[in-house]
Every structure is written in C-alpha cells, then in structure tokens.
Amino acid sequence: MSGREDKKDNDLFFVCSLIEYIARKTKNTKADVVSAIGKNKLMQILKLADVYHSENIAKLSEELVRDYNIKPGHFDNLSNCLYSVPTHWDIGKVYKRLLLEIEKETGADIIDLLANVFSSPIAQKIDDFNSSMYYESPEYIYESYKQGKPCEE
C-alpha cells in the first residue's frame, strides 16, 4: 500500500510544481492558473503525472499555456525577492505536504483542495518569498492554513 501512497505523493508533487512553474512563466497567481486549466484537466494531469513527469516541464507548460489560453498576468513575486528564490520544485513540495495533510484530515477531493489552497491567504504568504512562510515546518503551515493566517508564535 505504501508504494501507492508514494506514487500519489509524487504525482501531486509534480502537479503542484507544474502549476508553480506555469504561474512564474506567465506572471499569474497559482489560483489563476488552476482556474484557467480547470479541475477536469488538472485531474487528468494528476492521473497521468508519472507520464508527464518524464517530459520536459517547459514544453508541457508551454502546451498548457497555449491550450488553455493563459494570458500573461502581473503577479511577480520573483523580481523583488531579497533572498535566494526557491525553485518551482521547492514550492511544489511545500504545497504537496500541505495538501496531503488537509486531505488526510478532511477526506476532501484533492483537486478541490488544490483550488482552495492556492486561493487561500496562506498561499499569499507562501508566495511572498521575502517572508519565512515557505520554509516553515509543514505542521506550522498546516495550522496557519486552518487558522487562515500565520499562527502566532
């Protein structure tokens, strides 16, 4: 059974990283990317993530941007970053952990959770690379998500 969970974890990690990659390339929020691609296609990508994972992420993201007409946005959390910018893989891992914890606690559909988490106040904090939120512990991020704001120290 754990092999199945590992595949699920890897697939979700890939989808979160892909969304982050597209958001950076198009200067959109992840919520905007998720909305543009839609839940049905995201479910399909999640189901085929092990296949997509072997493809070039730049090529796949270009296809999705073109196929779902994702227009350039104005969200830029990279150019004003005062510190080392985490990779799209780093941020994908943060979101994967958060989503899996919420799914474990609630049993909610993972694609619905993905849409909710990426449009949450905590996503805004994670996406502020000048804050410490993206490298906080998974437990802290989860508790902050539940509270709708960063937890008090």
C-alpha atoms as a PDB file:
ATOM      1  CA  MET A   1       0.000   0.000   0.000  1.00  0.00           C
ATOM      2  CA  SER A   2       2.830   2.448   0.719  1.00  0.00           C
ATOM      3  CA  GLY A   3       4.045   2.210  -2.912  1.00  0.00           C
ATOM      4  CA  ARG A   4       0.665   3.527  -3.944  1.00  0.00           C
ATOM      5  CA  GLU A   5       0.923   6.387  -1.490  1.00  0.00           C
ATOM      6  CA  ASP A   6       4.411   7.213  -2.755  1.00  0.00           C
ATOM      7  CA  LYS A   7       3.129   7.410  -6.328  1.00  0.00           C
ATOM      8  CA  LYS A   8       0.249   9.618  -5.197  1.00  0.00           C
ATOM      9  CA  ASP A   9       2.681  11.866  -3.319  1.00  0.00           C
ATOM     10  CA  ASN A  10       4.968  12.090  -6.361  1.00  0.00           C
ATOM     11  CA  ASP A  11       2.088  12.783  -8.712  1.00  0.00           C
ATOM     12  CA  LEU A  12       0.741  15.559  -6.512  1.00  0.00           C
ATOM     13  CA  PHE A  13       4.247  16.992  -6.105  1.00  0.00           C
ATOM     14  CA  PHE A  14       4.578  17.136  -9.887  1.00  0.00           C
ATOM     15  CA  VAL A  15       1.200  18.835 -10.385  1.00  0.00           C
ATOM     16  CA  CYS A  16       1.943  21.448  -7.689  1.00  0.00           C
ATOM     17  CA  SER A  17       5.381  22.107  -9.194  1.00  0.00           C
ATOM     18  CA  LEU A  18       3.914  22.373 -12.698  1.00  0.00           C
ATOM     19  CA  ILE A  19       1.343  24.916 -11.533  1.00  0.00           C
ATOM     20  CA  GLU A  20       4.110  26.898  -9.813  1.00  0.00           C
ATOM     21  CA  TYR A  21       6.207  26.752 -12.992  1.00  0.00           C
ATOM     22  CA  ILE A  22       3.345  28.000 -15.167  1.00  0.00           C
ATOM     23  CA  ALA A  23       2.479  30.739 -12.667  1.00  0.00           C
ATOM     24  CA  ARG A  24       6.058  32.028 -12.738  1.00  0.00           C
ATOM     25  CA  LYS A  25       6.336  31.863 -16.530  1.00  0.00           C
ATOM     26  CA  THR A  26       3.041  33.692 -17.081  1.00  0.00           C
ATOM     27  CA  LYS A  27       3.231  36.015 -14.031  1.00  0.00           C
ATOM     28  CA  ASN A  28      -0.107  34.770 -12.739  1.00  0.00           C
ATOM     29  CA  THR A  29      -1.093  33.536  -9.317  1.00  0.00           C
ATOM     30  CA  LYS A  30      -1.431  29.799  -8.908  1.00  0.00           C
ATOM     31  CA  ALA A  31      -5.158  30.344  -8.300  1.00  0.00           C
ATOM     32  CA  ASP A  32      -5.394  31.972 -11.744  1.00  0.00           C
ATOM     33  CA  VAL A  33      -3.520  29.067 -13.356  1.00  0.00           C
ATOM     34  CA  VAL A  34      -5.741  26.487 -11.646  1.00  0.00           C
ATOM     35  CA  SER A  35      -8.847  28.399 -12.733  1.00  0.00           C
ATOM     36  CA  ALA A  36      -7.645  28.653 -16.339  1.00  0.00           C
ATOM     37  CA  ILE A  37      -6.759  24.958 -16.657  1.00  0.00           C
ATOM     38  CA  GLY A  38      -9.825  23.778 -14.768  1.00  0.00           C
ATOM     39  CA  LYS A  39     -10.434  20.935 -12.372  1.00  0.00           C
ATOM     40  CA  ASN A  40     -11.147  18.294 -15.026  1.00  0.00           C
ATOM     41  CA  LYS A  41      -7.836  18.819 -16.836  1.00  0.00           C
ATOM     42  CA  LEU A  42      -5.965  19.036 -13.525  1.00  0.00           C
ATOM     43  CA  MET A  43      -7.438  15.674 -12.536  1.00  0.00           C
ATOM     44  CA  GLN A  44      -6.293  14.269 -15.869  1.00  0.00           C
ATOM     45  CA  ILE A  45      -2.793  15.684 -15.354  1.00  0.00           C
ATOM     46  CA  LEU A  46      -2.713  14.206 -11.849  1.00  0.00           C
ATOM     47  CA  LYS A  47      -3.752  10.784 -13.164  1.00  0.00           C
ATOM     48  CA  LEU A  48      -1.057  10.912 -15.866  1.00  0.00           C
ATOM     49  CA  ALA A  49       1.576  12.687 -13.785  1.00  0.00           C
ATOM     50  CA  ASP A  50       4.001   9.780 -13.899  1.00  0.00           C
ATOM     51  CA  VAL A  51       3.965  10.051 -17.724  1.00  0.00           C
ATOM     52  CA  TYR A  52       4.116  13.860 -17.763  1.00  0.00           C
ATOM     53  CA  HIS A  53       6.921  13.815 -15.215  1.00  0.00           C
ATOM     54  CA  SER A  54       9.217  12.266 -17.807  1.00  0.00           C
ATOM     55  CA  GLU A  55       8.540  15.125 -20.228  1.00  0.00           C
ATOM     56  CA  ASN A  56      10.289  18.466 -20.261  1.00  0.00           C
ATOM     57  CA  ILE A  57       8.352  20.711 -17.854  1.00  0.00           C
ATOM     58  CA  ALA A  58       8.989  23.788 -20.030  1.00  0.00           C
ATOM     59  CA  LYS A  59       7.461  22.066 -23.080  1.00  0.00           C
ATOM     60  CA  LEU A  60       4.476  20.775 -21.109  1.00  0.00           C
ATOM     61  CA  SER A  61       3.849  24.182 -19.551  1.00  0.00           C
ATOM     62  CA  GLU A  62       4.016  25.877 -22.980  1.00  0.00           C
ATOM     63  CA  GLU A  63       1.400  23.431 -24.277  1.00  0.00           C
ATOM     64  CA  LEU A  64      -0.898  24.091 -21.312  1.00  0.00           C
ATOM     65  CA  VAL A  65      -0.461  27.865 -21.598  1.00  0.00           C
ATOM     66  CA  ARG A  66      -1.346  27.665 -25.286  1.00  0.00           C
ATOM     67  CA  ASP A  67      -4.173  25.097 -24.980  1.00  0.00           C
ATOM     68  CA  TYR A  68      -5.854  26.914 -22.072  1.00  0.00           C
ATOM     69  CA  ASN A  69      -5.141  30.407 -23.363  1.00  0.00           C
ATOM     70  CA  ILE A  70      -3.356  31.521 -20.188  1.00  0.00           C
ATOM     71  CA  LYS A  71      -2.594  35.172 -20.751  1.00  0.00           C
ATOM     72  CA  PRO A  72       0.381  36.997 -19.219  1.00  0.00           C
ATOM     73  CA  GLY A  73      -0.502  38.420 -15.828  1.00  0.00           C
ATOM     74  CA  HIS A  74       1.034  40.965 -13.478  1.00  0.00           C
ATOM     75  CA  PHE A  75       1.872  38.842 -10.449  1.00  0.00           C
ATOM     76  CA  ASP A  76       5.624  38.929  -9.918  1.00  0.00           C
ATOM     77  CA  ASN A  77       6.927  37.512  -6.679  1.00  0.00           C
ATOM     78  CA  LEU A  78      10.419  36.909  -8.049  1.00  0.00           C
ATOM     79  CA  SER A  79      11.914  40.247  -9.116  1.00  0.00           C
ATOM     80  CA  ASN A  80      11.603  41.874  -5.684  1.00  0.00           C
ATOM     81  CA  CYS A  81      12.810  38.852  -3.770  1.00  0.00           C
ATOM     82  CA  LEU A  82      15.609  39.900  -1.427  1.00  0.00           C
ATOM     83  CA  TYR A  83      16.806  36.365  -0.826  1.00  0.00           C
ATOM     84  CA  SER A  84      17.501  33.218  -2.769  1.00  0.00           C
ATOM     85  CA  VAL A  85      14.408  32.304  -4.786  1.00  0.00           C
ATOM     86  CA  PRO A  86      13.124  28.778  -4.100  1.00  0.00           C
ATOM     87  CA  THR A  87      12.730  26.589  -7.164  1.00  0.00           C
ATOM     88  CA  HIS A  88       9.353  25.573  -8.520  1.00  0.00           C
ATOM     89  CA  TRP A  89      10.204  22.090  -7.170  1.00  0.00           C
ATOM     90  CA  ASP A  90      10.798  23.548  -3.679  1.00  0.00           C
ATOM     91  CA  ILE A  91       7.422  25.263  -3.687  1.00  0.00           C
ATOM     92  CA  GLY A  92       5.730  22.210  -5.190  1.00  0.00           C
ATOM     93  CA  LYS A  93       6.949  20.216  -2.205  1.00  0.00           C
ATOM     94  CA  VAL A  94       5.559  22.771   0.260  1.00  0.00           C
ATOM     95  CA  TYR A  95       2.119  22.631  -1.333  1.00  0.00           C
ATOM     96  CA  LYS A  96       2.163  18.837  -1.723  1.00  0.00           C
ATOM     97  CA  ARG A  97       2.780  18.400   2.006  1.00  0.00           C
ATOM     98  CA  LEU A  98       0.045  20.864   2.900  1.00  0.00           C
ATOM     99  CA  LEU A  99      -2.471  19.288   0.534  1.00  0.00           C
ATOM    100  CA  LEU A 100      -1.776  15.768   1.753  1.00  0.00           C
ATOM    101  CA  GLU A 101      -2.197  16.831   5.370  1.00  0.00           C
ATOM    102  CA  ILE A 102      -5.503  18.570   4.650  1.00  0.00           C
ATOM    103  CA  GLU A 103      -6.706  15.576   2.637  1.00  0.00           C
ATOM    104  CA  LYS A 104      -5.758  13.239   5.493  1.00  0.00           C
ATOM    105  CA  GLU A 105      -7.703  15.353   7.990  1.00  0.00           C
ATOM    106  CA  THR A 106     -10.754  16.130   5.858  1.00  0.00           C
ATOM    107  CA  GLY A 107     -11.011  13.421   3.218  1.00  0.00           C
ATOM    108  CA  ALA A 108     -11.830  16.112   0.665  1.00  0.00           C
ATOM    109  CA  ASP A 109     -11.138  15.698  -3.039  1.00  0.00           C
ATOM    110  CA  ILE A 110      -7.505  16.588  -3.757  1.00  0.00           C
ATOM    111  CA  ILE A 111      -8.288  18.737  -6.817  1.00  0.00           C
ATOM    112  CA  ASP A 112     -10.887  20.729  -4.869  1.00  0.00           C
ATOM    113  CA  LEU A 113      -8.318  21.148  -2.110  1.00  0.00           C
ATOM    114  CA  LEU A 114      -5.719  22.284  -4.618  1.00  0.00           C
ATOM    115  CA  ALA A 115      -8.041  25.018  -5.881  1.00  0.00           C
ATOM    116  CA  ASN A 116      -8.939  26.083  -2.323  1.00  0.00           C
ATOM    117  CA  VAL A 117      -5.377  26.091  -1.012  1.00  0.00           C
ATOM    118  CA  PHE A 118      -3.969  28.049  -3.960  1.00  0.00           C
ATOM    119  CA  SER A 119      -6.595  30.761  -3.428  1.00  0.00           C
ATOM    120  CA  SER A 120      -6.157  30.882   0.360  1.00  0.00           C
ATOM    121  CA  PRO A 121      -4.494  33.615   2.431  1.00  0.00           C
ATOM    122  CA  ILE A 122      -1.726  31.154   3.282  1.00  0.00           C
ATOM    123  CA  ALA A 123      -0.869  30.779  -0.413  1.00  0.00           C
ATOM    124  CA  GLN A 124      -0.305  34.530  -0.500  1.00  0.00           C
ATOM    125  CA  LYS A 125       2.107  34.202   2.433  1.00  0.00           C
ATOM    126  CA  ILE A 126       3.902  31.195   0.918  1.00  0.00           C
ATOM    127  CA  ASP A 127       4.263  33.111  -2.354  1.00  0.00           C
ATOM    128  CA  ASP A 128       5.907  36.041  -0.575  1.00  0.00           C
ATOM    129  CA  PHE A 129       9.481  34.820  -0.826  1.00  0.00           C
ATOM    130  CA  ASN A 130      10.599  37.689   1.426  1.00  0.00           C
ATOM    131  CA  SER A 131       8.650  36.090   4.258  1.00  0.00           C
ATOM    132  CA  SER A 132       9.619  32.923   6.052  1.00  0.00           C
ATOM    133  CA  MET A 133       6.367  31.073   5.385  1.00  0.00           C
ATOM    134  CA  TYR A 134       7.561  28.836   2.551  1.00  0.00           C
ATOM    135  CA  TYR A 135      10.328  27.305   4.637  1.00  0.00           C
ATOM    136  CA  GLU A 136       8.373  26.909   7.868  1.00  0.00           C
ATOM    137  CA  SER A 137       7.624  23.402   9.114  1.00  0.00           C
ATOM    138  CA  PRO A 138       4.768  21.528   7.419  1.00  0.00           C
ATOM    139  CA  GLU A 139       2.936  21.486  10.778  1.00  0.00           C
ATOM    140  CA  TYR A 140       3.174  25.266  11.116  1.00  0.00           C
ATOM    141  CA  ILE A 141       1.951  25.820   7.552  1.00  0.00           C
ATOM    142  CA  TYR A 142      -0.961  23.430   8.090  1.00  0.00           C
ATOM    143  CA  GLU A 143      -2.003  25.105  11.355  1.00  0.00           C
ATOM    144  CA  SER A 144      -1.712  28.503   9.675  1.00  0.00           C
ATOM    145  CA  TYR A 145      -3.884  27.282   6.810  1.00  0.00           C
ATOM    146  CA  LYS A 146      -6.539  26.102   9.276  1.00  0.00           C
ATOM    147  CA  GLN A 147      -6.483  29.496  11.017  1.00  0.00           C
ATOM    148  CA  GLY A 148      -6.495  31.396   7.721  1.00  0.00           C
ATOM    149  CA  LYS A 149      -3.410  33.353   8.745  1.00  0.00           C
ATOM    150  CA  PRO A 150       0.071  32.716  10.099  1.00  0.00           C
ATOM    151  CA  CYS A 151      -0.028  31.212  13.569  1.00  0.00           C
ATOM    152  CA  GLU A 152       1.071  33.309  16.490  1.00  0.00           C
ATOM    153  CA  GLU A 153       4.420  32.301  17.856  1.00  0.00           C
END
